[in-house]
Amino acid sequence: MGFHDFVVTTLDETDLALATLHNKVVLVVNTASACGFTPQLAALQALWHSRRDQGLVVLGFPCNQFGGQEPGSAIEIADFCTQRYSVDFPLMAKVDVNGSRAAPLFVWLKAQAPGWLGTQAIKWNFTKFLVGRDGRVLGRYAPHTRPEQLRLDVDRALLQGQ
C-alpha cells in the first residue's frame, strides 16, 4: 500500500482519494487550534499559496491527542482556521495519529519516515510529512520546524518528476 492508495475524510465529511493527488507534492500536517504551534497555520497557508500553482498541496489533519488541544467540532475547527488564519488549504476530519485508533495514513507515514532514534510515535501537534509526486515520503519534520524552513525541501520536491 502506498500514499496514493489511501482515502481520507475531509472536514465536511466527504471522501478524498489521495490518488487524485498523484503528481502533486503533499505536505501532511497534524494540526490543533489551541497549541503553541498553532500560528504555524498562517505559515502553512503562505507556503501553500506560494507553491500551489507548482503542484504543492497542504493537508491539515486536526488531532486532539496532545493535551486536548483540538476539542472543537468540525464547524468550530473550520471557523477557527479560516477566521483566525485565513486557511483555505484542505482540512481533513479530526484523526488520531498514535495508538490503536490511529488513522491508517498516519500509521503508514510513521513507518515510512520514523522519528528521532527510529521511534514511530508522533510526539506532538504540527509534525509534518513531505510526500513527493510519486507518493514516496521525502521527509518528516518536528513540530518546532517552521513551515518556512521547509521551502527548500518543498522546492526540490516540486522539481522532481516534472
N, C-alpha and C. Protein backbone atom coordinates (compact mmCIF):
# COMPACT_ATOMS: atom_id res chain seq x y z
N MET A 1 0.85 -1.18 0.00
CA MET A 1 0.00 0.00 0.00
C MET A 1 0.89 1.24 0.00
N GLY A 2 0.53 2.21 -0.80
CA GLY A 2 1.29 3.44 -0.89
C GLY A 2 0.41 4.65 -0.62
N PHE A 3 1.02 5.82 -0.59
CA PHE A 3 0.32 7.05 -0.26
C PHE A 3 -0.94 7.25 -1.11
N HIS A 4 -0.82 7.01 -2.39
CA HIS A 4 -1.94 7.26 -3.30
C HIS A 4 -3.05 6.23 -3.20
N ASP A 5 -2.87 5.21 -2.37
CA ASP A 5 -3.90 4.19 -2.18
C ASP A 5 -4.88 4.54 -1.07
N PHE A 6 -4.57 5.54 -0.26
CA PHE A 6 -5.41 5.88 0.88
C PHE A 6 -6.58 6.79 0.47
N VAL A 7 -7.64 6.65 1.22
CA VAL A 7 -8.79 7.56 1.12
C VAL A 7 -8.96 8.17 2.51
N VAL A 8 -9.03 9.48 2.56
CA VAL A 8 -9.20 10.18 3.83
C VAL A 8 -10.52 10.94 3.79
N THR A 9 -10.96 11.38 4.94
CA THR A 9 -12.23 12.10 5.04
C THR A 9 -11.94 13.57 5.31
N THR A 10 -12.60 14.43 4.56
CA THR A 10 -12.40 15.87 4.73
C THR A 10 -13.21 16.36 5.93
N LEU A 11 -12.95 17.58 6.32
CA LEU A 11 -13.64 18.17 7.47
C LEU A 11 -15.15 18.24 7.24
N ASP A 12 -15.56 18.32 5.98
CA ASP A 12 -17.00 18.35 5.68
C ASP A 12 -17.57 16.96 5.38
N GLU A 13 -16.81 15.92 5.81
CA GLU A 13 -17.28 14.52 5.76
C GLU A 13 -17.36 13.92 4.36
N THR A 14 -16.59 14.42 3.41
CA THR A 14 -16.53 13.79 2.10
C THR A 14 -15.21 13.04 1.99
N ASP A 15 -15.22 12.01 1.16
CA ASP A 15 -14.01 11.22 0.95
C ASP A 15 -13.09 11.92 -0.04
N LEU A 16 -11.80 11.84 0.25
CA LEU A 16 -10.78 12.35 -0.65
C LEU A 16 -9.82 11.21 -0.94
N ALA A 17 -9.86 10.72 -2.17
CA ALA A 17 -8.93 9.67 -2.59
C ALA A 17 -7.59 10.34 -2.87
N LEU A 18 -6.56 9.90 -2.17
CA LEU A 18 -5.25 10.51 -2.37
C LEU A 18 -4.69 10.21 -3.75
N ALA A 19 -5.30 9.27 -4.47
CA ALA A 19 -4.91 9.01 -5.86
C ALA A 19 -5.13 10.27 -6.71
N THR A 20 -6.07 11.13 -6.30
CA THR A 20 -6.32 12.37 -7.05
C THR A 20 -5.16 13.35 -6.89
N LEU A 21 -4.25 13.07 -5.96
CA LEU A 21 -3.10 13.94 -5.74
C LEU A 21 -1.83 13.39 -6.40
N HIS A 22 -1.99 12.36 -7.23
CA HIS A 22 -0.84 11.83 -7.96
C HIS A 22 -0.20 12.95 -8.75
N ASN A 23 1.10 12.99 -8.73
CA ASN A 23 1.91 14.02 -9.40
C ASN A 23 1.85 15.37 -8.69
N LYS A 24 1.39 15.37 -7.44
CA LYS A 24 1.44 16.56 -6.59
C LYS A 24 2.44 16.29 -5.47
N VAL A 25 3.01 17.34 -4.93
CA VAL A 25 3.82 17.25 -3.71
C VAL A 25 2.88 17.58 -2.57
N VAL A 26 2.86 16.73 -1.55
CA VAL A 26 1.88 16.89 -0.48
C VAL A 26 2.61 17.06 0.85
N LEU A 27 2.19 18.06 1.61
CA LEU A 27 2.68 18.27 2.97
C LEU A 27 1.53 17.92 3.91
N VAL A 28 1.71 16.84 4.66
CA VAL A 28 0.70 16.35 5.60
C VAL A 28 1.08 16.84 6.99
N VAL A 29 0.13 17.47 7.69
CA VAL A 29 0.42 18.06 9.00
C VAL A 29 -0.71 17.72 9.96
N ASN A 30 -0.37 17.23 11.16
CA ASN A 30 -1.41 17.10 12.19
C ASN A 30 -1.48 18.43 12.93
N THR A 31 -2.67 19.00 12.97
CA THR A 31 -2.86 20.36 13.46
C THR A 31 -3.69 20.38 14.74
N ALA A 32 -3.71 21.53 15.38
CA ALA A 32 -4.55 21.75 16.56
C ALA A 32 -4.77 23.25 16.71
N SER A 33 -5.94 23.62 17.18
CA SER A 33 -6.31 25.03 17.28
C SER A 33 -5.78 25.72 18.54
N ALA A 34 -5.46 24.96 19.58
CA ALA A 34 -5.08 25.57 20.85
C ALA A 34 -3.68 25.15 21.28
N CYS A 35 -2.78 25.09 20.33
CA CYS A 35 -1.42 24.63 20.57
C CYS A 35 -0.46 25.83 20.44
N GLY A 36 0.66 25.75 21.11
CA GLY A 36 1.67 26.79 20.97
C GLY A 36 2.18 26.91 19.54
N PHE A 37 2.04 25.85 18.74
CA PHE A 37 2.47 25.87 17.35
C PHE A 37 1.36 26.30 16.39
N THR A 38 0.17 26.57 16.90
CA THR A 38 -0.97 26.92 16.05
C THR A 38 -0.68 28.07 15.09
N PRO A 39 0.12 29.08 15.47
CA PRO A 39 0.42 30.14 14.50
C PRO A 39 1.09 29.63 13.22
N GLN A 40 1.60 28.40 13.23
CA GLN A 40 2.15 27.82 12.00
C GLN A 40 1.09 27.70 10.92
N LEU A 41 -0.19 27.73 11.29
CA LEU A 41 -1.24 27.68 10.27
C LEU A 41 -1.08 28.80 9.26
N ALA A 42 -0.71 29.99 9.71
CA ALA A 42 -0.51 31.11 8.80
C ALA A 42 0.66 30.84 7.85
N ALA A 43 1.73 30.28 8.37
CA ALA A 43 2.89 29.97 7.54
C ALA A 43 2.60 28.81 6.58
N LEU A 44 1.82 27.83 7.03
CA LEU A 44 1.41 26.74 6.13
C LEU A 44 0.56 27.29 4.99
N GLN A 45 -0.35 28.21 5.33
CA GLN A 45 -1.18 28.85 4.31
C GLN A 45 -0.31 29.62 3.31
N ALA A 46 0.65 30.36 3.82
CA ALA A 46 1.53 31.14 2.94
C ALA A 46 2.36 30.22 2.03
N LEU A 47 2.87 29.13 2.59
CA LEU A 47 3.65 28.18 1.79
C LEU A 47 2.78 27.58 0.70
N TRP A 48 1.59 27.14 1.08
CA TRP A 48 0.68 26.55 0.10
C TRP A 48 0.31 27.58 -0.97
N HIS A 49 -0.02 28.76 -0.56
CA HIS A 49 -0.43 29.79 -1.50
C HIS A 49 0.68 30.11 -2.50
N SER A 50 1.91 30.12 -2.02
CA SER A 50 3.04 30.47 -2.90
C SER A 50 3.49 29.33 -3.80
N ARG A 51 3.12 28.09 -3.46
CA ARG A 51 3.62 26.95 -4.24
C ARG A 51 2.51 26.08 -4.85
N ARG A 52 1.26 26.39 -4.62
CA ARG A 52 0.19 25.51 -5.10
C ARG A 52 0.14 25.46 -6.62
N ASP A 53 0.46 26.55 -7.30
CA ASP A 53 0.43 26.54 -8.76
C ASP A 53 1.54 25.66 -9.35
N GLN A 54 2.57 25.39 -8.55
CA GLN A 54 3.63 24.49 -8.99
C GLN A 54 3.32 23.03 -8.62
N GLY A 55 2.26 22.80 -7.83
CA GLY A 55 1.88 21.43 -7.52
C GLY A 55 1.91 21.05 -6.06
N LEU A 56 2.04 22.01 -5.15
CA LEU A 56 2.04 21.68 -3.72
C LEU A 56 0.61 21.64 -3.19
N VAL A 57 0.32 20.64 -2.37
CA VAL A 57 -0.93 20.55 -1.63
C VAL A 57 -0.58 20.40 -0.16
N VAL A 58 -1.19 21.20 0.69
CA VAL A 58 -1.06 21.05 2.14
C VAL A 58 -2.35 20.41 2.63
N LEU A 59 -2.22 19.35 3.42
CA LEU A 59 -3.37 18.69 4.03
C LEU A 59 -3.24 18.79 5.54
N GLY A 60 -4.19 19.46 6.17
CA GLY A 60 -4.21 19.58 7.62
C GLY A 60 -5.13 18.54 8.23
N PHE A 61 -4.62 17.81 9.22
CA PHE A 61 -5.38 16.78 9.92
C PHE A 61 -5.50 17.17 11.39
N PRO A 62 -6.61 17.79 11.79
CA PRO A 62 -6.78 18.13 13.20
C PRO A 62 -6.68 16.88 14.09
N CYS A 63 -6.07 17.07 15.25
CA CYS A 63 -5.84 15.95 16.17
C CYS A 63 -5.97 16.46 17.60
N ASN A 64 -6.69 15.70 18.41
CA ASN A 64 -6.93 16.09 19.80
C ASN A 64 -6.15 15.22 20.78
N GLN A 65 -5.14 14.50 20.32
CA GLN A 65 -4.41 13.56 21.16
C GLN A 65 -3.36 14.19 22.06
N PHE A 66 -3.01 15.42 21.82
CA PHE A 66 -1.93 16.04 22.56
C PHE A 66 -2.46 17.19 23.40
N GLY A 67 -2.66 16.93 24.66
CA GLY A 67 -3.12 17.95 25.59
C GLY A 67 -4.54 18.45 25.33
N GLY A 68 -5.34 17.67 24.60
CA GLY A 68 -6.70 18.09 24.31
C GLY A 68 -6.77 19.42 23.59
N GLN A 69 -5.81 19.66 22.69
CA GLN A 69 -5.68 20.97 22.06
C GLN A 69 -6.53 21.17 20.81
N GLU A 70 -7.34 20.16 20.49
CA GLU A 70 -8.28 20.30 19.36
C GLU A 70 -9.62 19.69 19.75
N PRO A 71 -10.30 20.31 20.73
CA PRO A 71 -11.56 19.73 21.23
C PRO A 71 -12.77 20.06 20.37
N GLY A 72 -12.65 20.99 19.44
CA GLY A 72 -13.81 21.51 18.72
C GLY A 72 -14.42 20.55 17.72
N SER A 73 -15.63 20.91 17.29
CA SER A 73 -16.33 20.19 16.24
C SER A 73 -15.73 20.59 14.89
N ALA A 74 -16.15 19.91 13.85
CA ALA A 74 -15.67 20.23 12.51
C ALA A 74 -15.98 21.69 12.15
N ILE A 75 -17.17 22.14 12.50
CA ILE A 75 -17.55 23.53 12.20
C ILE A 75 -16.67 24.51 12.98
N GLU A 76 -16.43 24.20 14.25
CA GLU A 76 -15.59 25.08 15.07
C GLU A 76 -14.16 25.12 14.55
N ILE A 77 -13.65 23.97 14.13
CA ILE A 77 -12.29 23.91 13.58
C ILE A 77 -12.21 24.74 12.30
N ALA A 78 -13.16 24.53 11.40
CA ALA A 78 -13.16 25.27 10.14
C ALA A 78 -13.26 26.77 10.38
N ASP A 79 -14.17 27.17 11.26
CA ASP A 79 -14.33 28.60 11.56
C ASP A 79 -13.06 29.19 12.14
N PHE A 80 -12.45 28.50 13.10
CA PHE A 80 -11.23 29.00 13.71
C PHE A 80 -10.12 29.16 12.67
N CYS A 81 -9.89 28.12 11.87
CA CYS A 81 -8.80 28.15 10.90
C CYS A 81 -9.00 29.22 9.83
N THR A 82 -10.23 29.38 9.38
CA THR A 82 -10.46 30.37 8.32
C THR A 82 -10.51 31.78 8.87
N GLN A 83 -11.16 31.97 10.01
CA GLN A 83 -11.30 33.33 10.55
C GLN A 83 -10.01 33.84 11.16
N ARG A 84 -9.29 32.99 11.83
CA ARG A 84 -8.08 33.43 12.54
C ARG A 84 -6.84 33.44 11.66
N TYR A 85 -6.75 32.43 10.75
CA TYR A 85 -5.52 32.29 9.95
C TYR A 85 -5.75 32.27 8.44
N SER A 86 -6.98 32.55 8.00
CA SER A 86 -7.32 32.58 6.57
C SER A 86 -6.96 31.29 5.85
N VAL A 87 -7.04 30.17 6.54
CA VAL A 87 -6.69 28.88 5.94
C VAL A 87 -7.72 28.51 4.88
N ASP A 88 -7.23 28.20 3.69
CA ASP A 88 -8.11 27.61 2.69
C ASP A 88 -7.48 26.38 2.04
N PHE A 89 -6.36 25.89 2.62
CA PHE A 89 -5.86 24.60 2.18
C PHE A 89 -6.79 23.53 2.77
N PRO A 90 -6.81 22.34 2.18
CA PRO A 90 -7.76 21.32 2.62
C PRO A 90 -7.52 20.86 4.07
N LEU A 91 -8.60 20.86 4.82
CA LEU A 91 -8.59 20.34 6.19
C LEU A 91 -9.38 19.04 6.22
N MET A 92 -8.83 18.07 6.90
CA MET A 92 -9.45 16.76 6.99
C MET A 92 -10.23 16.64 8.30
N ALA A 93 -10.99 15.57 8.40
CA ALA A 93 -11.70 15.28 9.65
C ALA A 93 -10.67 15.00 10.74
N LYS A 94 -11.06 15.25 11.97
CA LYS A 94 -10.19 15.02 13.13
C LYS A 94 -9.79 13.55 13.17
N VAL A 95 -8.51 13.30 13.45
CA VAL A 95 -7.97 11.93 13.48
C VAL A 95 -7.10 11.73 14.71
N ASP A 96 -6.89 10.46 15.04
CA ASP A 96 -5.82 10.08 15.95
C ASP A 96 -4.60 9.76 15.09
N VAL A 97 -3.42 10.10 15.58
CA VAL A 97 -2.20 9.82 14.83
C VAL A 97 -1.35 8.76 15.51
N ASN A 98 -1.67 8.43 16.75
CA ASN A 98 -0.97 7.40 17.52
C ASN A 98 -2.00 6.44 18.11
N GLY A 99 -1.52 5.29 18.53
CA GLY A 99 -2.37 4.35 19.25
C GLY A 99 -3.18 3.44 18.36
N SER A 100 -4.04 2.66 18.99
CA SER A 100 -4.80 1.65 18.28
C SER A 100 -5.84 2.24 17.32
N ARG A 101 -6.21 3.49 17.52
CA ARG A 101 -7.19 4.13 16.63
C ARG A 101 -6.54 5.11 15.66
N ALA A 102 -5.25 5.00 15.50
CA ALA A 102 -4.54 5.90 14.58
C ALA A 102 -5.06 5.72 13.15
N ALA A 103 -5.21 6.82 12.47
CA ALA A 103 -5.63 6.79 11.07
C ALA A 103 -4.62 5.99 10.26
N PRO A 104 -5.10 5.10 9.38
CA PRO A 104 -4.18 4.27 8.59
C PRO A 104 -3.12 5.07 7.84
N LEU A 105 -3.47 6.24 7.34
CA LEU A 105 -2.47 7.06 6.64
C LEU A 105 -1.32 7.40 7.56
N PHE A 106 -1.61 7.75 8.81
CA PHE A 106 -0.54 8.12 9.74
C PHE A 106 0.27 6.90 10.18
N VAL A 107 -0.36 5.75 10.28
CA VAL A 107 0.39 4.52 10.56
C VAL A 107 1.41 4.30 9.45
N TRP A 108 0.98 4.47 8.21
CA TRP A 108 1.86 4.28 7.06
C TRP A 108 2.95 5.35 7.03
N LEU A 109 2.58 6.62 7.21
CA LEU A 109 3.58 7.70 7.18
C LEU A 109 4.66 7.48 8.22
N LYS A 110 4.27 7.12 9.43
CA LYS A 110 5.25 6.91 10.51
C LYS A 110 6.18 5.75 10.20
N ALA A 111 5.66 4.71 9.55
CA ALA A 111 6.51 3.57 9.18
C ALA A 111 7.50 3.96 8.08
N GLN A 112 7.07 4.83 7.17
CA GLN A 112 7.93 5.26 6.07
C GLN A 112 9.01 6.23 6.53
N ALA A 113 8.70 7.03 7.53
CA ALA A 113 9.65 8.06 8.00
C ALA A 113 9.61 8.10 9.52
N PRO A 114 10.33 7.16 10.15
CA PRO A 114 10.38 7.16 11.61
C PRO A 114 10.98 8.46 12.15
N GLY A 115 10.64 8.74 13.38
CA GLY A 115 11.15 9.94 14.03
C GLY A 115 12.53 9.74 14.61
N TRP A 116 12.87 10.63 15.52
CA TRP A 116 14.17 10.64 16.18
C TRP A 116 14.47 9.27 16.79
N LEU A 117 15.65 8.75 16.55
CA LEU A 117 16.11 7.45 17.07
C LEU A 117 15.22 6.30 16.63
N GLY A 118 14.53 6.45 15.50
CA GLY A 118 13.72 5.38 14.94
C GLY A 118 12.34 5.21 15.55
N THR A 119 11.96 6.10 16.43
CA THR A 119 10.62 5.98 17.02
C THR A 119 9.57 6.32 15.97
N GLN A 120 8.44 5.64 16.04
CA GLN A 120 7.39 5.92 15.08
C GLN A 120 6.34 6.85 15.65
N ALA A 121 6.20 6.91 16.94
CA ALA A 121 5.15 7.75 17.53
C ALA A 121 5.35 9.22 17.16
N ILE A 122 4.25 9.88 16.92
CA ILE A 122 4.27 11.33 16.72
C ILE A 122 4.26 11.94 18.12
N LYS A 123 5.16 12.87 18.35
CA LYS A 123 5.36 13.42 19.69
C LYS A 123 4.41 14.57 20.03
N TRP A 124 3.95 15.33 19.02
CA TRP A 124 3.11 16.48 19.32
C TRP A 124 2.44 16.96 18.04
N ASN A 125 1.58 17.95 18.20
CA ASN A 125 0.91 18.58 17.06
C ASN A 125 1.93 19.27 16.15
N PHE A 126 1.56 19.38 14.90
CA PHE A 126 2.34 20.06 13.87
C PHE A 126 3.59 19.28 13.46
N THR A 127 3.54 17.95 13.59
CA THR A 127 4.53 17.11 12.93
C THR A 127 4.16 17.10 11.45
N LYS A 128 5.16 17.17 10.59
CA LYS A 128 4.92 17.32 9.17
C LYS A 128 5.60 16.20 8.39
N PHE A 129 4.92 15.74 7.33
CA PHE A 129 5.47 14.74 6.42
C PHE A 129 5.40 15.32 5.01
N LEU A 130 6.52 15.30 4.30
CA LEU A 130 6.57 15.76 2.92
C LEU A 130 6.56 14.53 2.01
N VAL A 131 5.59 14.50 1.10
CA VAL A 131 5.41 13.36 0.20
C VAL A 131 5.65 13.85 -1.22
N GLY A 132 6.49 13.12 -1.95
CA GLY A 132 6.83 13.50 -3.32
C GLY A 132 5.74 13.17 -4.31
N ARG A 133 5.94 13.63 -5.53
CA ARG A 133 4.96 13.43 -6.61
C ARG A 133 4.67 11.95 -6.83
N ASP A 134 5.65 11.10 -6.57
CA ASP A 134 5.49 9.66 -6.78
C ASP A 134 4.91 8.94 -5.56
N GLY A 135 4.59 9.68 -4.50
CA GLY A 135 4.00 9.07 -3.31
C GLY A 135 5.01 8.61 -2.27
N ARG A 136 6.29 8.81 -2.52
CA ARG A 136 7.31 8.45 -1.52
C ARG A 136 7.42 9.54 -0.47
N VAL A 137 7.60 9.14 0.79
CA VAL A 137 7.80 10.11 1.86
C VAL A 137 9.24 10.62 1.76
N LEU A 138 9.38 11.91 1.60
CA LEU A 138 10.69 12.52 1.44
C LEU A 138 11.27 13.05 2.74
N GLY A 139 10.41 13.28 3.72
CA GLY A 139 10.91 13.81 4.98
C GLY A 139 9.84 13.88 6.04
N ARG A 140 10.31 13.85 7.28
CA ARG A 140 9.47 14.04 8.46
C ARG A 140 10.09 15.18 9.25
N TYR A 141 9.25 16.10 9.71
CA TYR A 141 9.75 17.30 10.36
C TYR A 141 9.07 17.47 11.71
N ALA A 142 9.86 17.86 12.69
CA ALA A 142 9.37 18.03 14.06
C ALA A 142 8.41 19.21 14.16
N PRO A 143 7.59 19.21 15.19
CA PRO A 143 6.63 20.31 15.38
C PRO A 143 7.29 21.70 15.40
N HIS A 144 8.48 21.79 15.97
CA HIS A 144 9.12 23.11 16.05
C HIS A 144 9.71 23.57 14.72
N THR A 145 9.77 22.69 13.72
CA THR A 145 10.25 23.09 12.40
C THR A 145 9.17 23.94 11.74
N ARG A 146 9.49 25.19 11.51
CA ARG A 146 8.52 26.13 10.94
C ARG A 146 8.34 25.85 9.44
N PRO A 147 7.14 26.04 8.93
CA PRO A 147 6.89 25.79 7.51
C PRO A 147 7.83 26.53 6.57
N GLU A 148 8.22 27.75 6.93
CA GLU A 148 9.13 28.48 6.05
C GLU A 148 10.50 27.80 5.96
N GLN A 149 10.85 26.98 6.95
CA GLN A 149 12.10 26.24 6.91
C GLN A 149 12.02 25.07 5.93
N LEU A 150 10.85 24.75 5.44
CA LEU A 150 10.66 23.63 4.52
C LEU A 150 10.72 24.06 3.06
N ARG A 151 10.82 25.34 2.81
CA ARG A 151 10.74 25.84 1.43
C ARG A 151 11.75 25.17 0.49
N LEU A 152 12.98 25.02 0.92
CA LEU A 152 13.99 24.41 0.05
C LEU A 152 13.63 22.97 -0.26
N ASP A 153 13.21 22.19 0.75
CA ASP A 153 12.81 20.81 0.51
C ASP A 153 11.58 20.73 -0.37
N VAL A 154 10.62 21.61 -0.15
CA VAL A 154 9.42 21.64 -0.99
C VAL A 154 9.79 21.98 -2.41
N ASP A 155 10.64 22.97 -2.60
CA ASP A 155 11.04 23.36 -3.96
C ASP A 155 11.78 22.22 -4.67
N ARG A 156 12.64 21.51 -3.97
CA ARG A 156 13.34 20.35 -4.56
C ARG A 156 12.32 19.30 -4.98
N ALA A 157 11.36 19.02 -4.10
CA ALA A 157 10.34 18.02 -4.40
C ALA A 157 9.50 18.44 -5.61
N LEU A 158 9.19 19.73 -5.70
CA LEU A 158 8.39 20.20 -6.83
C LEU A 158 9.14 20.05 -8.15
N LEU A 159 10.46 20.14 -8.10
CA LEU A 159 11.25 20.00 -9.33
C LEU A 159 11.40 18.55 -9.77
N GLN A 160 11.26 17.60 -8.84
CA GLN A 160 11.39 16.18 -9.16
C GLN A 160 10.16 15.69 -9.92
N GLY A 161 10.39 14.97 -10.98
CA GLY A 161 9.31 14.31 -11.70
C GLY A 161 8.45 15.22 -12.54
N GLN A 162 8.93 16.43 -12.83
CA GLN A 162 8.14 17.31 -13.69
C GLN A 162 8.28 16.91 -15.14
